[in-house]
C-alpha cells in the first residue's frame, strides 16, 4: 500500500473491503428472512424435463454458519494483516519483510560454505573447483542477463573473457566494479568537432587506429580532430581505464563498428550503466559472494588451473 501517492486510494481500498464484508452479512440476513411461497407439495413450482421439481427446502444451517465463519475470519484477518488500505495490521506483516527474513535466513545458512574462502586470495579462490562452481551459479543468477551465459556479452555489454577491460581487470578493480557498479559516459562531441563531414573524417581516423576498414584520405583529414577525443582516449587512442574510456586501437567495438556506428557515437554520445551488485550498495550479494564472484570473473580471462 506504500505505492499509493495520496490517501484517497488507501481509503478507497478500505471502503471496498469493508463494504464487501457488510454486503455478505446483509445478504445472509435477507436470505434468512425471505419466505418463498411454495405449493402444498413444498415445491417452488419450477419443473424441468416434465417431472423434475425444485423443492423449497430451507438453506442448511451448517452452510449458513460456515458462511458466517468466513465473514468473521475475514474481519480478524484484516485486523491482523494489511488489507484495509494503508493499515499495516497488528502483526505488521509485509511481503518485503517476509522476503528479507527469508533472504537473511538463507544467508546465515550459507555462511559456513563461504567461510573457508574469506582468507583466500582471488587467485587461490579461482583455483578452487568448489568455489568456481559457486561463482558460476552467482554469475548465472546476477550477471548473465547482460553479459550472457557464456560471459561473452553482446552489443553494449562487455565481453568478460577477452581480457579487454574498460575499468581494469585486476582482482581489485573487478571487485570494485562488482561492488560499486560503473557508469561510463561519452558526451556528444559533434559540436566540438565541426561539420558532419568533419565527424565522418574523424570516424575514419578512429577506425584507422585499429586497422579496421576505413577511407585513408578521410582518416588523414580527421587526424587533427582527434585532439577532442584524446582527453579521454589518450593521444595514442589506447584509452584510459581510470575513466572507463575504451582502447580504440584493439579492434574491439563494444557499441558496434564501422563508419556509421562511430559517427553515431561521436554525434550522440553514449551512457552505459552497470548497477552495483553488493548488498551494501543496493544489490543482492554479500561481501563473501562478491569475493567468490570476483574470482570467477577474473578466472574467465586468466584461466588458472583448477584444483579440487
C-alpha atoms as a PDB file:
ATOM      1  CA  UNK A   1       0.000   0.000   0.000  1.00  0.00           C
ATOM      2  CA  UNK A   2       3.039   2.292   0.217  1.00  0.00           C
ATOM      3  CA  UNK A   3       2.808   2.768  -3.564  1.00  0.00           C
ATOM      4  CA  UNK A   4      -0.302   4.951  -3.169  1.00  0.00           C
ATOM      5  CA  UNK A   5       0.522   8.558  -3.983  1.00  0.00           C
ATOM      6  CA  UNK A   6      -2.192  10.016  -1.757  1.00  0.00           C
ATOM      7  CA  UNK A   7      -4.649   8.959   0.946  1.00  0.00           C
ATOM      8  CA  UNK A   8      -7.614   8.662  -1.441  1.00  0.00           C
ATOM      9  CA  UNK A   9      -6.587   5.261  -2.756  1.00  0.00           C
ATOM     10  CA  UNK A  10      -5.947   3.927   0.738  1.00  0.00           C
ATOM     11  CA  UNK A  11      -9.438   4.963   1.826  1.00  0.00           C
ATOM     12  CA  UNK A  12     -10.881   3.647  -1.449  1.00  0.00           C
ATOM     13  CA  UNK A  13      -9.456   0.151  -0.844  1.00  0.00           C
ATOM     14  CA  UNK A  14     -10.502   0.160   2.817  1.00  0.00           C
ATOM     15  CA  UNK A  15     -14.085   1.126   1.915  1.00  0.00           C
ATOM     16  CA  UNK A  16     -14.323  -1.601  -0.738  1.00  0.00           C
ATOM     17  CA  UNK A  17     -13.116  -4.232   1.750  1.00  0.00           C
ATOM     18  CA  UNK A  18     -15.495  -3.068   4.490  1.00  0.00           C
ATOM     19  CA  UNK A  19     -18.492  -2.784   2.140  1.00  0.00           C
ATOM     20  CA  UNK A  20     -17.782  -6.261   0.800  1.00  0.00           C
ATOM     21  CA  UNK A  21     -17.902  -7.786   4.289  1.00  0.00           C
ATOM     22  CA  UNK A  22     -21.023  -5.859   5.285  1.00  0.00           C
ATOM     23  CA  UNK A  23     -22.655  -6.824   1.986  1.00  0.00           C
ATOM     24  CA  UNK A  24     -22.074 -10.514   2.722  1.00  0.00           C
ATOM     25  CA  UNK A  25     -23.638 -10.150   6.160  1.00  0.00           C
ATOM     26  CA  UNK A  26     -26.625  -8.263   4.723  1.00  0.00           C
ATOM     27  CA  UNK A  27     -27.105 -10.952   2.102  1.00  0.00           C
ATOM     28  CA  UNK A  28     -27.181 -13.630   4.802  1.00  0.00           C
ATOM     29  CA  UNK A  29     -29.756 -11.741   6.853  1.00  0.00           C
ATOM     30  CA  UNK A  30     -32.020 -11.035   3.895  1.00  0.00           C
ATOM     31  CA  UNK A  31     -31.771 -14.602   2.653  1.00  0.00           C
ATOM     32  CA  UNK A  32     -32.626 -15.973   6.101  1.00  0.00           C
ATOM     33  CA  UNK A  33     -35.698 -13.740   6.418  1.00  0.00           C
ATOM     34  CA  UNK A  34     -37.051 -14.159   2.940  1.00  0.00           C
ATOM     35  CA  UNK A  35     -40.011 -16.530   2.702  1.00  0.00           C
ATOM     36  CA  UNK A  36     -40.757 -18.046  -0.642  1.00  0.00           C
ATOM     37  CA  UNK A  37     -44.301 -19.076  -1.288  1.00  0.00           C
ATOM     38  CA  UNK A  38     -44.444 -22.750  -2.140  1.00  0.00           C
ATOM     39  CA  UNK A  39     -47.072 -25.167  -3.301  1.00  0.00           C
ATOM     40  CA  UNK A  40     -48.687 -27.677  -0.979  1.00  0.00           C
ATOM     41  CA  UNK A  41     -46.127 -30.283  -2.060  1.00  0.00           C
ATOM     42  CA  UNK A  42     -43.245 -27.960  -0.892  1.00  0.00           C
ATOM     43  CA  UNK A  43     -42.005 -27.135  -4.372  1.00  0.00           C
ATOM     44  CA  UNK A  44     -41.246 -23.783  -5.952  1.00  0.00           C
ATOM     45  CA  UNK A  45     -43.339 -24.571  -8.981  1.00  0.00           C
ATOM     46  CA  UNK A  46     -40.290 -24.958 -11.265  1.00  0.00           C
ATOM     47  CA  UNK A  47     -40.404 -28.111 -13.378  1.00  0.00           C
ATOM     48  CA  UNK A  48     -37.757 -29.496 -15.751  1.00  0.00           C
ATOM     49  CA  UNK A  49     -37.938 -32.369 -18.169  1.00  0.00           C
ATOM     50  CA  UNK A  50     -41.569 -32.915 -17.343  1.00  0.00           C
ATOM     51  CA  UNK A  51     -41.182 -34.370 -13.834  1.00  0.00           C
ATOM     52  CA  UNK A  52     -38.179 -32.768 -12.102  1.00  0.00           C
ATOM     53  CA  UNK A  53     -39.485 -30.355  -9.444  1.00  0.00           C
ATOM     54  CA  UNK A  54     -37.438 -27.940  -7.332  1.00  0.00           C
ATOM     55  CA  UNK A  55     -38.116 -28.318  -3.600  1.00  0.00           C
ATOM     56  CA  UNK A  56     -38.411 -25.253  -1.391  1.00  0.00           C
ATOM     57  CA  UNK A  57     -36.278 -26.522   1.499  1.00  0.00           C
ATOM     58  CA  UNK A  58     -34.503 -24.001   3.721  1.00  0.00           C
ATOM     59  CA  UNK A  59     -30.739 -23.490   3.377  1.00  0.00           C
ATOM     60  CA  UNK A  60     -28.803 -25.944   5.637  1.00  0.00           C
ATOM     61  CA  UNK A  61     -27.812 -24.313   8.905  1.00  0.00           C
ATOM     62  CA  UNK A  62     -24.269 -25.720   8.724  1.00  0.00           C
ATOM     63  CA  UNK A  63     -23.860 -23.906   5.412  1.00  0.00           C
ATOM     64  CA  UNK A  64     -25.177 -20.690   6.946  1.00  0.00           C
ATOM     65  CA  UNK A  65     -22.785 -20.924   9.890  1.00  0.00           C
ATOM     66  CA  UNK A  66     -19.871 -21.740   7.581  1.00  0.00           C
ATOM     67  CA  UNK A  67     -20.646 -18.567   5.652  1.00  0.00           C
ATOM     68  CA  UNK A  68     -20.775 -16.609   8.922  1.00  0.00           C
ATOM     69  CA  UNK A  69     -17.411 -18.066   9.956  1.00  0.00           C
ATOM     70  CA  UNK A  70     -15.807 -16.928   6.711  1.00  0.00           C
ATOM     71  CA  UNK A  71     -17.056 -13.391   7.335  1.00  0.00           C
ATOM     72  CA  UNK A  72     -15.769 -13.450  10.923  1.00  0.00           C
ATOM     73  CA  UNK A  73     -12.426 -14.809   9.706  1.00  0.00           C
ATOM     74  CA  UNK A  74     -12.115 -12.012   7.161  1.00  0.00           C
ATOM     75  CA  UNK A  75     -12.689  -9.406   9.872  1.00  0.00           C
ATOM     76  CA  UNK A  76      -9.957 -10.832  12.112  1.00  0.00           C
ATOM     77  CA  UNK A  77      -7.668 -11.242   9.086  1.00  0.00           C
ATOM     78  CA  UNK A  78      -7.994  -7.561   8.172  1.00  0.00           C
ATOM     79  CA  UNK A  79      -7.231  -6.626  11.773  1.00  0.00           C
ATOM     80  CA  UNK A  80      -4.112  -8.818  11.884  1.00  0.00           C
ATOM     81  CA  UNK A  81      -2.757  -8.329   8.336  1.00  0.00           C
ATOM     82  CA  UNK A  82      -2.670  -5.489   5.780  1.00  0.00           C
ATOM     83  CA  UNK A  83      -5.757  -5.213   3.624  1.00  0.00           C
ATOM     84  CA  UNK A  84      -7.568  -2.088   4.767  1.00  0.00           C
ATOM     85  CA  UNK A  85      -5.776   0.482   2.663  1.00  0.00           C
ATOM     86  CA  UNK A  86      -2.620   1.761   4.366  1.00  0.00           C
ATOM     87  CA  UNK A  87      -3.400  -0.010   7.653  1.00  0.00           C
ATOM     88  CA  UNK A  88      -0.490  -2.427   8.155  1.00  0.00           C
ATOM     89  CA  UNK A  89      -2.262  -4.795  10.548  1.00  0.00           C
ATOM     90  CA  UNK A  90      -1.483  -5.678  14.147  1.00  0.00           C
ATOM     91  CA  UNK A  91       1.188  -8.222  13.142  1.00  0.00           C
ATOM     92  CA  UNK A  92       2.950  -5.650  10.923  1.00  0.00           C
ATOM     93  CA  UNK A  93       3.450  -8.317   8.238  1.00  0.00           C
ATOM     94  CA  UNK A  94       4.570  -7.279   4.762  1.00  0.00           C
ATOM     95  CA  UNK A  95       5.809  -9.001   1.625  1.00  0.00           C
ATOM     96  CA  UNK A  96       9.058  -7.068   1.817  1.00  0.00           C
ATOM     97  CA  UNK A  97       9.591  -8.060   5.429  1.00  0.00           C
ATOM     98  CA  UNK A  98       8.884 -11.722   4.682  1.00  0.00           C
ATOM     99  CA  UNK A  99      11.264 -11.645   1.710  1.00  0.00           C
ATOM    100  CA  UNK A 100      14.049 -10.001   3.710  1.00  0.00           C
ATOM    101  CA  UNK A 101      13.623 -12.533   6.522  1.00  0.00           C
ATOM    102  CA  UNK A 102      13.904 -15.417   4.062  1.00  0.00           C
ATOM    103  CA  UNK A 103      16.990 -13.891   2.450  1.00  0.00           C
ATOM    104  CA  UNK A 104      18.613 -13.355   5.835  1.00  0.00           C
ATOM    105  CA  UNK A 105      17.900 -16.957   6.832  1.00  0.00           C
ATOM    106  CA  UNK A 106      19.361 -18.211   3.548  1.00  0.00           C
ATOM    107  CA  UNK A 107      22.496 -16.102   4.005  1.00  0.00           C
ATOM    108  CA  UNK A 108      23.002 -17.420   7.517  1.00  0.00           C
ATOM    109  CA  UNK A 109      22.642 -20.979   6.253  1.00  0.00           C
ATOM    110  CA  UNK A 110      25.240 -20.317   3.522  1.00  0.00           C
ATOM    111  CA  UNK A 111      27.803 -18.623   5.777  1.00  0.00           C
ATOM    112  CA  UNK A 112      29.647 -21.879   6.644  1.00  0.00           C
ATOM    113  CA  UNK A 113      30.033 -22.650   2.935  1.00  0.00           C
ATOM    114  CA  UNK A 114      31.685 -19.298   2.245  1.00  0.00           C
ATOM    115  CA  UNK A 115      33.728 -19.224   5.462  1.00  0.00           C
ATOM    116  CA  UNK A 116      36.750 -21.052   4.059  1.00  0.00           C
ATOM    117  CA  UNK A 117      37.084 -18.608   1.167  1.00  0.00           C
ATOM    118  CA  UNK A 118      37.406 -15.497   3.345  1.00  0.00           C
ATOM    119  CA  UNK A 119      41.125 -15.950   3.997  1.00  0.00           C
ATOM    120  CA  UNK A 120      41.966 -16.891   0.400  1.00  0.00           C
ATOM    121  CA  UNK A 121      43.219 -14.539  -2.304  1.00  0.00           C
ATOM    122  CA  UNK A 122      41.362 -14.104  -5.569  1.00  0.00           C
ATOM    123  CA  UNK A 123      43.930 -16.245  -7.351  1.00  0.00           C
ATOM    124  CA  UNK A 124      43.575 -19.019  -4.766  1.00  0.00           C
ATOM    125  CA  UNK A 125      39.781 -18.936  -4.937  1.00  0.00           C
ATOM    126  CA  UNK A 126      39.972 -19.119  -8.727  1.00  0.00           C
ATOM    127  CA  UNK A 127      41.889 -22.402  -8.432  1.00  0.00           C
ATOM    128  CA  UNK A 128      39.286 -23.958  -6.132  1.00  0.00           C
ATOM    129  CA  UNK A 129      36.790 -26.096  -8.040  1.00  0.00           C
ATOM    130  CA  UNK A 130      34.043 -25.778  -5.413  1.00  0.00           C
ATOM    131  CA  UNK A 131      34.417 -22.008  -5.319  1.00  0.00           C
ATOM    132  CA  UNK A 132      34.236 -21.783  -9.101  1.00  0.00           C
ATOM    133  CA  UNK A 133      31.049 -23.856  -9.137  1.00  0.00           C
ATOM    134  CA  UNK A 134      29.528 -21.384  -6.672  1.00  0.00           C
ATOM    135  CA  UNK A 135      30.860 -18.474  -8.711  1.00  0.00           C
ATOM    136  CA  UNK A 136      29.317 -19.871 -11.879  1.00  0.00           C
ATOM    137  CA  UNK A 137      25.914 -20.019 -10.181  1.00  0.00           C
ATOM    138  CA  UNK A 138      26.311 -16.460  -8.893  1.00  0.00           C
ATOM    139  CA  UNK A 139      27.229 -15.321 -12.379  1.00  0.00           C
ATOM    140  CA  UNK A 140      24.234 -17.006 -13.999  1.00  0.00           C
ATOM    141  CA  UNK A 141      21.856 -15.511 -11.435  1.00  0.00           C
ATOM    142  CA  UNK A 142      23.254 -11.976 -11.356  1.00  0.00           C
ATOM    143  CA  UNK A 143      25.390 -11.252 -14.424  1.00  0.00           C
ATOM    144  CA  UNK A 144      24.304 -13.444 -17.329  1.00  0.00           C
ATOM    145  CA  UNK A 145      21.255 -11.279 -18.064  1.00  0.00           C
ATOM    146  CA  UNK A 146      23.603  -8.645 -19.520  1.00  0.00           C
ATOM    147  CA  UNK A 147      26.887 -10.424 -20.168  1.00  0.00           C
ATOM    148  CA  UNK A 148      25.181 -13.618 -21.489  1.00  0.00           C
ATOM    149  CA  UNK A 149      25.508 -17.109 -20.064  1.00  0.00           C
ATOM    150  CA  UNK A 150      28.942 -17.629 -21.658  1.00  0.00           C
ATOM    151  CA  UNK A 151      30.171 -14.227 -20.386  1.00  0.00           C
ATOM    152  CA  UNK A 152      30.938 -13.087 -23.940  1.00  0.00           C
ATOM    153  CA  UNK A 153      28.494 -10.215 -23.696  1.00  0.00           C
ATOM    154  CA  UNK A 154      26.925  -8.549 -26.699  1.00  0.00           C
ATOM    155  CA  UNK A 155      26.498  -5.108 -28.206  1.00  0.00           C
ATOM    156  CA  UNK A 156      26.901  -2.529 -25.408  1.00  0.00           C
ATOM    157  CA  UNK A 157      27.591  -5.335 -22.873  1.00  0.00           C
ATOM    158  CA  UNK A 158      31.305  -6.115 -22.380  1.00  0.00           C
ATOM    159  CA  UNK A 159      32.859  -9.488 -23.136  1.00  0.00           C
ATOM    160  CA  UNK A 160      34.395 -10.721 -19.867  1.00  0.00           C
ATOM    161  CA  UNK A 161      36.510 -13.455 -21.454  1.00  0.00           C
ATOM    162  CA  UNK A 162      38.842 -11.450 -23.726  1.00  0.00           C
ATOM    163  CA  UNK A 163      40.981  -9.603 -21.164  1.00  0.00           C
ATOM    164  CA  UNK A 164      39.939  -6.247 -22.626  1.00  0.00           C
ATOM    165  CA  UNK A 165      38.851  -4.167 -19.641  1.00  0.00           C
ATOM    166  CA  UNK A 166      37.301  -0.714 -19.634  1.00  0.00           C
ATOM    167  CA  UNK A 167      37.941  -0.100 -15.931  1.00  0.00           C
ATOM    168  CA  UNK A 168      40.776  -2.545 -15.267  1.00  0.00           C
ATOM    169  CA  UNK A 169      40.940  -6.315 -14.996  1.00  0.00           C
ATOM    170  CA  UNK A 170      42.923  -6.811 -11.798  1.00  0.00           C
ATOM    171  CA  UNK A 171      41.138  -8.609  -8.942  1.00  0.00           C
ATOM    172  CA  UNK A 172      40.862  -5.327  -7.029  1.00  0.00           C
ATOM    173  CA  UNK A 173      39.321  -3.487  -9.986  1.00  0.00           C
ATOM    174  CA  UNK A 174      36.874  -6.306 -10.735  1.00  0.00           C
ATOM    175  CA  UNK A 175      35.880  -6.389  -7.069  1.00  0.00           C
ATOM    176  CA  UNK A 176      35.387  -2.606  -7.155  1.00  0.00           C
ATOM    177  CA  UNK A 177      33.247  -2.847 -10.289  1.00  0.00           C
ATOM    178  CA  UNK A 178      31.021  -5.578  -8.867  1.00  0.00           C
ATOM    179  CA  UNK A 179      30.682  -3.787  -5.536  1.00  0.00           C
ATOM    180  CA  UNK A 180      30.026  -0.228  -6.703  1.00  0.00           C
ATOM    181  CA  UNK A 181      28.873  -0.644 -10.285  1.00  0.00           C
ATOM    182  CA  UNK A 182      30.071   1.603 -13.110  1.00  0.00           C
ATOM    183  CA  UNK A 183      28.737   4.469 -15.196  1.00  0.00           C
ATOM    184  CA  UNK A 184      30.513   5.102 -18.469  1.00  0.00           C
ATOM    185  CA  UNK A 185      29.641   8.386 -20.137  1.00  0.00           C
ATOM    186  CA  UNK A 186      30.761   9.674 -23.512  1.00  0.00           C
ATOM    187  CA  UNK A 187      29.195  13.078 -24.165  1.00  0.00           C
ATOM    188  CA  UNK A 188      28.112  14.078 -27.685  1.00  0.00           C
ATOM    189  CA  UNK A 189      31.069  15.662 -29.498  1.00  0.00           C
ATOM    190  CA  UNK A 190      29.575  16.795 -32.823  1.00  0.00           C
ATOM    191  CA  UNK A 191      29.561  20.498 -31.920  1.00  0.00           C
ATOM    192  CA  UNK A 192      33.189  20.380 -30.822  1.00  0.00           C
ATOM    193  CA  UNK A 193      34.237  18.532 -33.984  1.00  0.00           C
ATOM    194  CA  UNK A 194      32.541  20.766 -36.548  1.00  0.00           C
ATOM    195  CA  UNK A 195      30.507  19.744 -39.581  1.00  0.00           C
ATOM    196  CA  UNK A 196      29.194  16.267 -40.314  1.00  0.00           C
ATOM    197  CA  UNK A 197      31.940  15.913 -42.884  1.00  0.00           C
ATOM    198  CA  UNK A 198      34.447  16.556 -40.097  1.00  0.00           C
ATOM    199  CA  UNK A 199      32.699  13.919 -37.999  1.00  0.00           C
ATOM    200  CA  UNK A 200      32.933  11.462 -40.905  1.00  0.00           C
ATOM    201  CA  UNK A 201      36.640  12.175 -41.310  1.00  0.00           C
ATOM    202  CA  UNK A 202      37.233  11.685 -37.587  1.00  0.00           C
ATOM    203  CA  UNK A 203      35.274   8.415 -37.616  1.00  0.00           C
ATOM    204  CA  UNK A 204      37.577   7.128 -40.349  1.00  0.00           C
ATOM    205  CA  UNK A 205      40.635   8.175 -38.374  1.00  0.00           C
ATOM    206  CA  UNK A 206      39.305   6.315 -35.324  1.00  0.00           C
ATOM    207  CA  UNK A 207      38.793   3.223 -37.470  1.00  0.00           C
ATOM    208  CA  UNK A 208      42.328   3.524 -38.795  1.00  0.00           C
ATOM    209  CA  UNK A 209      43.779   3.293 -35.287  1.00  0.00           C
ATOM    210  CA  UNK A 210      42.797  -0.385 -35.089  1.00  0.00           C
ATOM    211  CA  UNK A 211      43.401  -1.188 -38.734  1.00  0.00           C
ATOM    212  CA  UNK A 212      39.665  -1.512 -39.346  1.00  0.00           C
ATOM    213  CA  UNK A 213      38.354  -0.860 -42.878  1.00  0.00           C
ATOM    214  CA  UNK A 214      38.382   2.893 -43.478  1.00  0.00           C
ATOM    215  CA  UNK A 215      38.898   5.615 -46.050  1.00  0.00           C
ATOM    216  CA  UNK A 216      42.579   6.625 -45.772  1.00  0.00           C
ATOM    217  CA  UNK A 217      42.029  10.070 -47.295  1.00  0.00           C
ATOM    218  CA  UNK A 218      39.229  10.916 -44.874  1.00  0.00           C
ATOM    219  CA  UNK A 219      41.265   9.494 -41.984  1.00  0.00           C
ATOM    220  CA  UNK A 220      44.138  11.822 -42.807  1.00  0.00           C
ATOM    221  CA  UNK A 221      41.761  14.782 -42.733  1.00  0.00           C
ATOM    222  CA  UNK A 222      40.267  13.657 -39.424  1.00  0.00           C
ATOM    223  CA  UNK A 223      43.542  13.158 -37.552  1.00  0.00           C
ATOM    224  CA  UNK A 224      43.713  16.724 -36.255  1.00  0.00           C
ATOM    225  CA  UNK A 225      40.150  16.472 -34.949  1.00  0.00           C
ATOM    226  CA  UNK A 226      41.153  13.588 -32.687  1.00  0.00           C
ATOM    227  CA  UNK A 227      42.521  16.122 -30.211  1.00  0.00           C
ATOM    228  CA  UNK A 228      38.944  16.427 -28.921  1.00  0.00           C
ATOM    229  CA  UNK A 229      38.912  12.697 -28.155  1.00  0.00           C
ATOM    230  CA  UNK A 230      42.426  12.436 -26.762  1.00  0.00           C
ATOM    231  CA  UNK A 231      41.408  13.991 -23.433  1.00  0.00           C
ATOM    232  CA  UNK A 232      39.771  10.681 -22.528  1.00  0.00           C
ATOM    233  CA  UNK A 233      41.120   8.137 -25.006  1.00  0.00           C
ATOM    234  CA  UNK A 234      44.685   9.415 -24.940  1.00  0.00           C
ATOM    235  CA  UNK A 235      46.745  10.894 -27.731  1.00  0.00           C
ATOM    236  CA  UNK A 236      47.541   7.374 -28.949  1.00  0.00           C
ATOM    237  CA  UNK A 237      43.899   6.251 -28.684  1.00  0.00           C
ATOM    238  CA  UNK A 238      44.715   3.471 -26.206  1.00  0.00           C
ATOM    239  CA  UNK A 239      42.111   4.601 -23.719  1.00  0.00           C
ATOM    240  CA  UNK A 240      42.129   5.364 -20.020  1.00  0.00           C
ATOM    241  CA  UNK A 241      40.891   2.777 -17.514  1.00  0.00           C
ATOM    242  CA  UNK A 242      40.619   5.421 -14.794  1.00  0.00           C
ATOM    243  CA  UNK A 243      37.803   6.979 -16.841  1.00  0.00           C
ATOM    244  CA  UNK A 244      36.464   3.799 -18.428  1.00  0.00           C
ATOM    245  CA  UNK A 245      37.497   5.201 -21.824  1.00  0.00           C
ATOM    246  CA  UNK A 246      37.879   2.332 -24.338  1.00  0.00           C
ATOM    247  CA  UNK A 247      41.065   1.456 -26.171  1.00  0.00           C
ATOM    248  CA  UNK A 248      40.398   2.445 -29.787  1.00  0.00           C
ATOM    249  CA  UNK A 249      43.400   0.559 -31.189  1.00  0.00           C
ATOM    250  CA  UNK A 250      42.481  -3.043 -30.358  1.00  0.00           C
ATOM    251  CA  UNK A 251      39.661  -3.614 -32.869  1.00  0.00           C
ATOM    252  CA  UNK A 252      37.168  -4.426 -30.105  1.00  0.00           C
ATOM    253  CA  UNK A 253      33.971  -2.428 -30.576  1.00  0.00           C
ATOM    254  CA  UNK A 254      31.542  -2.502 -27.676  1.00  0.00           C
ATOM    255  CA  UNK A 255      28.822  -0.438 -29.348  1.00  0.00           C
ATOM    256  CA  UNK A 256      29.304  -1.524 -32.946  1.00  0.00           C
ATOM    257  CA  UNK A 257      31.943  -0.768 -35.550  1.00  0.00           C
ATOM    258  CA  UNK A 258      32.096   0.821 -38.963  1.00  0.00           C
ATOM    259  CA  UNK A 259      31.817   4.417 -40.134  1.00  0.00           C
ATOM    260  CA  UNK A 260      28.121   4.779 -39.322  1.00  0.00           C
ATOM    261  CA  UNK A 261      28.470   3.332 -35.812  1.00  0.00           C
ATOM    262  CA  UNK A 262      31.453   5.511 -34.926  1.00  0.00           C
ATOM    263  CA  UNK A 263      29.741   8.610 -36.308  1.00  0.00           C
ATOM    264  CA  UNK A 264      26.686   7.830 -34.200  1.00  0.00           C
ATOM    265  CA  UNK A 265      28.869   7.645 -31.086  1.00  0.00           C
ATOM    266  CA  UNK A 266      30.541  10.955 -31.897  1.00  0.00           C
ATOM    267  CA  UNK A 267      27.247  12.678 -32.676  1.00  0.00           C
ATOM    268  CA  UNK A 268      25.079  11.313 -29.873  1.00  0.00           C
ATOM    269  CA  UNK A 269      27.446  10.039 -27.220  1.00  0.00           C
ATOM    270  CA  UNK A 270      26.622   7.064 -25.010  1.00  0.00           C
ATOM    271  CA  UNK A 271      25.846   6.332 -21.377  1.00  0.00           C
ATOM    272  CA  UNK A 272      26.382   2.794 -20.142  1.00  0.00           C
ATOM    273  CA  UNK A 273      25.441   1.761 -16.607  1.00  0.00           C
ATOM    274  CA  UNK A 274      26.296  -1.327 -14.627  1.00  0.00           C
ATOM    275  CA  UNK A 275      24.346  -1.290 -11.339  1.00  0.00           C
ATOM    276  CA  UNK A 276      26.161  -2.177  -8.107  1.00  0.00           C
ATOM    277  CA  UNK A 277      25.771  -5.809  -7.110  1.00  0.00           C
ATOM    278  CA  UNK A 278      26.865  -5.600  -3.458  1.00  0.00           C
ATOM    279  CA  UNK A 279      24.117  -5.558  -0.856  1.00  0.00           C
ATOM    280  CA  UNK A 280      25.703  -2.575   0.866  1.00  0.00           C
ATOM    281  CA  UNK A 281      25.036  -0.523  -2.280  1.00  0.00           C
ATOM    282  CA  UNK A 282      21.557  -1.774  -3.048  1.00  0.00           C
ATOM    283  CA  UNK A 283      22.458  -5.060  -4.750  1.00  0.00           C
ATOM    284  CA  UNK A 284      21.880  -8.628  -3.630  1.00  0.00           C
ATOM    285  CA  UNK A 285      25.333 -10.030  -2.938  1.00  0.00           C
ATOM    286  CA  UNK A 286      27.018 -10.362   0.433  1.00  0.00           C
ATOM    287  CA  UNK A 287      30.737  -9.498   0.784  1.00  0.00           C
ATOM    288  CA  UNK A 288      31.613 -13.203   0.689  1.00  0.00           C
ATOM    289  CA  UNK A 289      29.605 -13.698  -2.502  1.00  0.00           C
ATOM    290  CA  UNK A 290      31.270 -10.657  -4.096  1.00  0.00           C
ATOM    291  CA  UNK A 291      34.686 -12.185  -3.334  1.00  0.00           C
ATOM    292  CA  UNK A 292      33.796 -15.502  -4.959  1.00  0.00           C
ATOM    293  CA  UNK A 293      32.171 -13.818  -7.956  1.00  0.00           C
ATOM    294  CA  UNK A 294      35.237 -11.595  -8.371  1.00  0.00           C
ATOM    295  CA  UNK A 295      37.456 -14.669  -8.566  1.00  0.00           C
ATOM    296  CA  UNK A 296      35.117 -16.324 -11.065  1.00  0.00           C
ATOM    297  CA  UNK A 297      35.012 -13.286 -13.365  1.00  0.00           C
ATOM    298  CA  UNK A 298      38.788 -12.848 -13.093  1.00  0.00           C
ATOM    299  CA  UNK A 299      39.277 -16.507 -13.995  1.00  0.00           C
ATOM    300  CA  UNK A 300      37.300 -16.102 -17.232  1.00  0.00           C
ATOM    301  CA  UNK A 301      40.182 -14.259 -18.856  1.00  0.00           C
ATOM    302  CA  UNK A 302      43.061 -15.648 -16.802  1.00  0.00           C
ATOM    303  CA  UNK A 303      42.252 -19.366 -16.866  1.00  0.00           C
ATOM    304  CA  UNK A 304      44.025 -20.578 -13.707  1.00  0.00           C
ATOM    305  CA  UNK A 305      44.489 -24.312 -13.230  1.00  0.00           C
ATOM    306  CA  UNK A 306      41.530 -25.571 -11.184  1.00  0.00           C
ATOM    307  CA  UNK A 307      42.078 -27.693  -8.106  1.00  0.00           C
ATOM    308  CA  UNK A 308      39.656 -29.907  -6.210  1.00  0.00           C
END
